[in-house]
């Protein structure tokens, strides 16, 4: 892992292999759809689409008597052409709770159902564009209404309480628990401080290598979604947390082969995983806040603080790595409204006598 793209490339390879495994179960025209989507979507998005389409084809086989004896790979375009809008409405209902082939119960929220229906729309649009089908019945089905979610984040006092708690958590521990805390203390503080102080995505954080950190300019080199490289700058608190981690903990660890360059290591001396970071963040945050806090919520905490300090939505979009500023505006619309309200009091037409 000698360059910043190596971790991302490894993930891309793993996602590509998983996608191929999914496509082996599905009809040939599905493979053609993914080939067409390759230039406009990320590997992660394509893998999610493949999962969603596999769920749809399994639904057809499970609920349509004419298809029950067919392997998924043999469900034809002719079979798809027979489907009506009501079939997709039944699929929406099915998605609320269904049983997988290994007898697990899967459920979907409105957001999950909307995502799968959006995937089907895209798939049918492709088939119609290539003149493999003549109509897109999915377009005639109402999509689930998604309620706007409030931005969940830590308040300023909760941020301070979280970092203080992490620094002093060992005072409440003894024995094995104290040993494990001390073993990971500086790593955990550095991770949370970096998330709160830069707003990087957890996937970007776990992909960091030691050589990506530039203390001369206080910047970290990250690979954004889509593979673009960017320098994100950090302040003194992040600098101090990273320095403590590197000098007091990381430099004393001999990583396993293939993980030598990784900035953050797990207890098994491998590059830390997204899942491990999520569990660690949840553990510490639950002690200082009743909110359900994830690494993404720490990213929102940073974005909100930056916008309140600068009022520059374009700067926030750039630092957070949003490809479209409208994404940023949507997330911070309420804050924009607050600023507009305060603007009404900023200009005084006549001084009160």
Foldseek 3Di string as FASTA:
>chain_A
DPDLCVVVVVVLVVLVVLLVVLCVQAAPVVVVLVVVCVVPDGSVVSSVLSVLVSLVLVCCCVPPPVNVPPGNHPCDLVNVQPDALVVVVVVLVCQQWDADPVGDIHGDDLVRSLVSLVSLQSSVVVCCVVPVYVDRNSVVHDRRDDDDDAQDADDPVLVVVLLVCLVCVLVVDDDPVNVVSVQCSLVLSLVLCCLLFQLEDLVFLLSFFPVQQDPVQQWGWTQDPVRDIDITHGDDVSVVSLVCCVPVHVVVDDADPPARGGSHADPNRHRDDQVVSQVSCQVSSVVRDVDRDGSNNSSVNNLVVVCVVPVDLVVSCVSNVPPDSVVSCSNCVVVVVVVVVVVVVPDDPDDDD
